Amino acid sequence: MKNLLKLLFLTLFVTLYSCNKDDGPSIIPTTLFTQDRQFIEADEQITFTNNSTDAVSYTWDFGDTKTSNEENPVHTYTTTGDFVVTLTATSETGDQSTSTRSVTVGERWVVALGVESIPFEDQNGDPWDADNSGPDLLFGFTQADAETFSPYNITDGLDVQASDLPFGGTLPPANQEILTDEDWAFIFIDNDEPLDDLNQSTVMASFLINPVTVASEKDYSDGTGTFVFESLGFSFIIAFEIRN
C-alpha cells in the first residue's frame, strides 16, 4: 500500500511539474541590430551587429534570397537595388520577434564638379585666348570609346581668371550619369567665339580615369563620395552619389 501511495505521489509530482513548465511565462525576445553601411556598391561587404536580448537563435533574411543563422553576419550584395534586411530572434520558449532595416546597393552617379586649378597658358606658353582674357570653360565626360559627348558651360559664358578659382557646382540633371567601371575621358575645353560652334573651341586637356576604381572618399551612411584628379596643372574634384 505504501509503495502504491509513493507511486501515486511521484506521478502527481511529475504531472504538476510538467504542467508548470509548459504553462510558464513566455519569453519575448527584443530584436535589434545595426549595420556599418547604409549605401554600398555591388560586391561590397556590409557587417551586421546583433544587439538582440533574450534570444537563443537568429535568422537573417537579407532581401536578396540569401539567409544566415549567424549571430553577426557579414554579407555581400552582388546586384543593385533597395533591400530590406529582416532579423528574426527566437527565445528559449520558442517565441519570436523581428526587426528590419534597409540597404541601398547602387551605382556612382556624378552630381557635381569642383575646379581647384587650371593652367592659364597652353603647352606652348601661349594664353588660351589671344587677348589673355582667360578661357571660357566647357567641361564634359564620357566613356573613352564614345564618339560624341555633350559638354556644358561651367562658367556661364564668362572667361576664367585666377581670382575665380576655386569654383564649382552641381551638374545639370541632363549631365548626371552613371559612372561605369571602365575608362572615361574627362575633358576641359576653351569655348571661343562663336560660342555655339565647338569647331572654334580648343581642347585644353583630356584625362582618362576609371571613376569606379580611382581612389575615392565615400560616406557609407548617406551614399556620397568624391575623388580628386591632378595633372598638367589641372586639379578638379568629382562628387558622386551612390543610388539606383
Protein backbone atom coordinates (compact mmCIF):
# COMPACT_ATOMS: atom_id res chain seq x y z
CA MET A 1 0.00 0.00 0.00
CA LYS A 2 2.83 2.37 0.91
CA ASN A 3 4.55 1.64 -2.41
CA LEU A 4 1.31 2.41 -4.22
CA LEU A 5 0.97 5.74 -2.41
CA LYS A 6 4.58 6.63 -3.25
CA LEU A 7 3.94 5.81 -6.90
CA LEU A 8 0.78 7.92 -6.97
CA PHE A 9 2.59 10.85 -5.30
CA LEU A 10 5.50 10.62 -7.73
CA THR A 11 3.14 10.52 -10.69
CA LEU A 12 1.26 13.57 -9.39
CA PHE A 13 4.54 15.47 -8.80
CA VAL A 14 5.80 14.80 -12.31
CA THR A 15 2.43 15.79 -13.77
CA LEU A 16 2.33 19.07 -11.83
CA TYR A 17 5.96 19.89 -12.72
CA SER A 18 5.31 19.23 -16.39
CA CYS A 19 2.21 21.41 -16.38
CA ASN A 20 4.01 24.24 -14.60
CA LYS A 21 6.85 24.06 -17.12
CA ASP A 22 4.55 24.06 -20.14
CA ASP A 23 2.37 26.82 -18.74
CA GLY A 24 5.31 29.01 -17.71
CA PRO A 25 5.58 32.62 -18.90
CA SER A 26 6.67 33.26 -22.50
CA ILE A 27 9.98 34.94 -23.10
CA ILE A 28 9.57 37.53 -25.84
CA PRO A 29 12.97 38.49 -27.27
CA THR A 30 13.89 42.07 -28.10
CA THR A 31 15.25 42.16 -31.62
CA LEU A 32 17.69 44.93 -32.54
CA PHE A 33 20.61 45.22 -34.92
CA THR A 34 22.83 47.79 -36.58
CA GLN A 35 24.84 47.84 -39.81
CA ASP A 36 28.10 49.52 -40.67
CA ARG A 37 26.90 50.72 -44.09
CA GLN A 38 23.64 52.08 -45.44
CA PHE A 39 24.69 52.72 -49.06
CA ILE A 40 27.10 50.40 -50.85
CA GLU A 41 28.12 49.40 -54.33
CA ALA A 42 27.73 45.90 -55.75
CA ASP A 43 30.25 43.34 -54.44
CA GLU A 44 30.93 45.37 -51.30
CA GLN A 45 30.50 43.80 -47.88
CA ILE A 46 28.23 45.01 -45.12
CA THR A 47 28.57 43.91 -41.48
CA PHE A 48 25.53 43.46 -39.25
CA THR A 49 25.84 43.69 -35.46
CA ASN A 50 23.19 41.88 -33.44
CA ASN A 51 22.02 43.73 -30.31
CA SER A 52 19.07 41.46 -29.51
CA THR A 53 18.32 40.26 -25.99
CA ASP A 54 16.58 37.20 -24.53
CA ALA A 55 17.19 35.19 -27.70
CA VAL A 56 18.93 31.88 -28.31
CA SER A 57 18.85 31.69 -32.11
CA TYR A 58 18.69 34.05 -35.07
CA THR A 59 17.58 34.02 -38.68
CA TRP A 60 18.66 36.71 -41.11
CA ASP A 61 16.92 37.40 -44.41
CA PHE A 62 19.00 39.82 -46.47
CA GLY A 63 16.26 40.54 -49.00
CA ASP A 64 18.19 39.06 -51.93
CA THR A 65 17.22 35.36 -51.48
CA LYS A 66 20.18 34.83 -49.11
CA THR A 67 19.79 33.96 -45.42
CA SER A 68 22.03 33.27 -42.43
CA ASN A 69 21.80 31.90 -38.89
CA GLU A 70 24.97 33.57 -37.68
CA GLU A 71 24.72 35.97 -34.79
CA ASN A 72 26.68 38.77 -36.50
CA PRO A 73 26.86 38.04 -40.22
CA VAL A 74 28.83 39.72 -42.98
CA HIS A 75 27.00 39.84 -46.30
CA THR A 76 27.94 40.76 -49.87
CA TYR A 77 25.33 42.09 -52.28
CA THR A 78 26.09 41.31 -55.91
CA THR A 79 23.26 43.22 -57.60
CA THR A 80 21.93 46.76 -57.29
CA GLY A 81 18.61 47.55 -55.65
CA ASP A 82 16.92 48.51 -52.41
CA PHE A 83 16.87 45.59 -49.98
CA VAL A 84 15.01 45.08 -46.70
CA VAL A 85 17.03 43.13 -44.14
CA THR A 86 14.97 41.20 -41.59
CA LEU A 87 16.32 39.69 -38.36
CA THR A 88 14.12 37.17 -36.54
CA ALA A 89 15.16 36.35 -32.98
CA THR A 90 13.84 33.29 -31.16
CA SER A 91 13.80 32.84 -27.38
CA GLU A 92 14.19 29.61 -25.39
CA THR A 93 10.39 29.36 -25.16
CA GLY A 94 10.10 29.49 -28.96
CA ASP A 95 8.67 32.99 -29.04
CA GLN A 96 9.89 35.29 -31.80
CA SER A 97 10.19 38.95 -32.73
CA THR A 98 11.58 40.68 -35.79
CA SER A 99 13.36 43.87 -36.74
CA THR A 100 14.08 45.35 -40.18
CA ARG A 101 16.47 47.81 -41.75
CA SER A 102 17.22 48.78 -45.35
CA VAL A 103 20.28 48.67 -47.59
CA THR A 104 20.72 50.54 -50.87
CA VAL A 105 23.09 48.93 -53.36
CA GLY A 106 23.66 51.42 -56.14
CA GLU A 107 26.00 52.83 -58.74
CA ARG A 108 28.01 56.02 -58.84
CA TRP A 109 26.16 58.96 -60.33
CA VAL A 110 28.31 62.03 -60.96
CA VAL A 111 26.48 65.03 -59.49
CA ALA A 112 28.93 67.91 -59.08
CA LEU A 113 32.27 69.32 -60.17
CA GLY A 114 34.80 71.46 -58.34
CA VAL A 115 37.72 73.07 -60.18
CA GLU A 116 40.69 73.81 -57.95
CA SER A 117 43.20 74.97 -60.56
CA ILE A 118 43.81 75.21 -64.31
CA PRO A 119 46.79 76.41 -66.33
CA PHE A 120 46.27 79.77 -68.00
CA GLU A 121 48.73 79.01 -70.79
CA ASP A 122 48.85 76.15 -73.26
CA GLN A 123 51.79 73.79 -73.67
CA ASN A 124 53.48 76.33 -75.96
CA GLY A 125 53.31 79.00 -73.28
CA ASP A 126 50.60 80.96 -75.11
CA PRO A 127 47.40 82.16 -73.41
CA TRP A 128 44.27 80.22 -74.27
CA ASP A 129 42.70 83.42 -75.59
CA ALA A 130 44.71 85.86 -77.69
CA ASP A 131 43.65 88.81 -75.54
CA ASN A 132 44.72 86.93 -72.40
CA SER A 133 41.19 87.23 -71.02
CA GLY A 134 41.21 83.64 -69.78
CA PRO A 135 39.35 80.58 -71.06
CA ASP A 136 35.58 80.28 -71.13
CA LEU A 137 35.46 76.76 -69.74
CA LEU A 138 33.39 73.88 -71.00
CA PHE A 139 33.57 70.57 -69.18
CA GLY A 140 32.40 67.14 -70.22
CA PHE A 141 32.95 63.45 -69.59
CA THR A 142 32.12 60.29 -71.47
CA GLN A 143 33.21 56.69 -71.91
CA ALA A 144 36.63 56.61 -73.52
CA ASP A 145 35.38 54.82 -76.64
CA ALA A 146 32.36 57.08 -77.18
CA GLU A 147 32.25 59.01 -80.45
CA THR A 148 30.38 62.05 -79.14
CA PHE A 149 29.67 63.79 -75.85
CA SER A 150 27.83 66.87 -74.63
CA PRO A 151 29.99 69.33 -72.67
CA TYR A 152 28.38 72.09 -70.67
CA ASN A 153 29.50 75.59 -69.76
CA ILE A 154 30.68 75.75 -66.17
CA THR A 155 31.41 79.50 -66.19
CA ASP A 156 28.12 80.81 -67.61
CA GLY A 157 29.92 82.26 -70.61
CA LEU A 158 32.48 84.14 -68.56
CA ASP A 159 36.25 83.97 -69.01
CA VAL A 160 38.05 82.44 -66.04
CA GLN A 161 40.69 84.38 -64.18
CA ALA A 162 42.99 83.07 -61.45
CA SER A 163 40.97 85.03 -58.89
CA ASP A 164 37.88 82.97 -59.80
CA LEU A 165 39.44 79.74 -58.56
CA PRO A 166 38.39 77.51 -56.93
CA PHE A 167 34.81 77.23 -58.13
CA GLY A 168 32.25 74.55 -58.87
CA GLY A 169 28.68 73.49 -58.58
CA THR A 170 26.03 70.88 -59.19
CA LEU A 171 25.83 69.39 -62.66
CA PRO A 172 22.65 69.90 -64.65
CA PRO A 173 20.38 66.83 -64.36
CA ALA A 174 20.91 66.03 -68.04
CA ASN A 175 24.67 65.72 -67.38
CA GLN A 176 24.36 63.48 -64.33
CA GLU A 177 25.32 59.99 -65.50
CA ILE A 178 26.18 56.58 -64.09
CA LEU A 179 29.95 56.21 -63.89
CA THR A 180 30.75 52.70 -65.07
CA ASP A 181 33.79 50.55 -64.33
CA GLU A 182 35.83 51.50 -67.40
CA ASP A 183 37.98 54.35 -68.65
CA TRP A 184 36.19 57.66 -69.02
CA ALA A 185 37.51 60.83 -70.64
CA PHE A 186 37.18 63.98 -68.52
CA ILE A 187 37.62 66.92 -70.88
CA PHE A 188 38.25 70.66 -70.45
CA ILE A 189 37.53 72.93 -73.43
CA ASP A 190 38.18 76.62 -74.06
CA ASN A 191 34.95 77.76 -75.69
CA ASP A 192 35.85 80.50 -78.22
CA GLU A 193 33.57 82.67 -80.33
CA PRO A 194 31.15 81.79 -81.77
CA LEU A 195 30.15 80.06 -78.56
CA ASP A 196 27.70 77.68 -80.24
CA ASP A 197 30.35 76.28 -82.60
CA LEU A 198 32.56 73.70 -80.89
CA ASN A 199 34.76 73.62 -84.01
CA GLN A 200 36.03 77.03 -82.92
CA SER A 201 36.90 75.72 -79.47
CA THR A 202 40.15 74.27 -78.15
CA VAL A 203 40.53 71.09 -76.14
CA MET A 204 42.63 72.19 -73.19
CA ALA A 205 43.12 68.70 -71.74
CA SER A 206 41.55 65.26 -71.72
CA PHE A 207 42.20 62.81 -68.89
CA LEU A 208 41.45 59.08 -68.88
CA ILE A 209 40.16 57.97 -65.47
CA ASN A 210 38.31 54.90 -64.28
CA PRO A 211 35.81 56.64 -61.98
CA VAL A 212 34.95 53.44 -60.10
CA THR A 213 38.41 52.11 -59.26
CA VAL A 214 40.04 55.52 -58.69
CA ALA A 215 40.89 56.24 -55.05
CA SER A 216 37.79 57.82 -53.54
CA GLU A 217 36.38 59.13 -50.31
CA LYS A 218 32.97 57.62 -49.54
CA ASP A 219 30.43 58.17 -46.80
CA TYR A 220 28.56 54.90 -46.46
CA SER A 221 25.90 56.49 -44.25
CA ASP A 222 24.49 58.82 -46.92
CA GLY A 223 25.94 57.42 -50.15
CA THR A 224 28.02 60.44 -51.13
CA GLY A 225 31.62 60.46 -52.26
CA THR A 226 34.37 62.31 -54.11
CA PHE A 227 37.56 61.69 -56.00
CA VAL A 228 40.29 64.17 -56.87
CA PHE A 229 42.42 64.26 -60.00
CA GLU A 230 45.53 66.38 -60.58
CA SER A 231 47.66 66.53 -63.73
CA LEU A 232 49.26 69.08 -66.10
CA GLY A 233 48.26 71.98 -63.86
CA PHE A 234 44.62 70.89 -63.67
CA SER A 235 43.09 69.91 -60.35
CA PHE A 236 39.43 69.01 -60.07
CA ILE A 237 37.04 67.19 -57.78
CA ILE A 238 34.20 64.96 -58.91
CA ALA A 239 31.34 64.44 -56.45
CA PHE A 240 29.11 61.40 -56.83
CA GLU A 241 26.14 59.75 -55.17
CA ILE A 242 25.53 56.02 -54.77
CA ARG A 243 21.99 55.47 -55.97
CA ASN A 244 19.84 53.30 -58.23
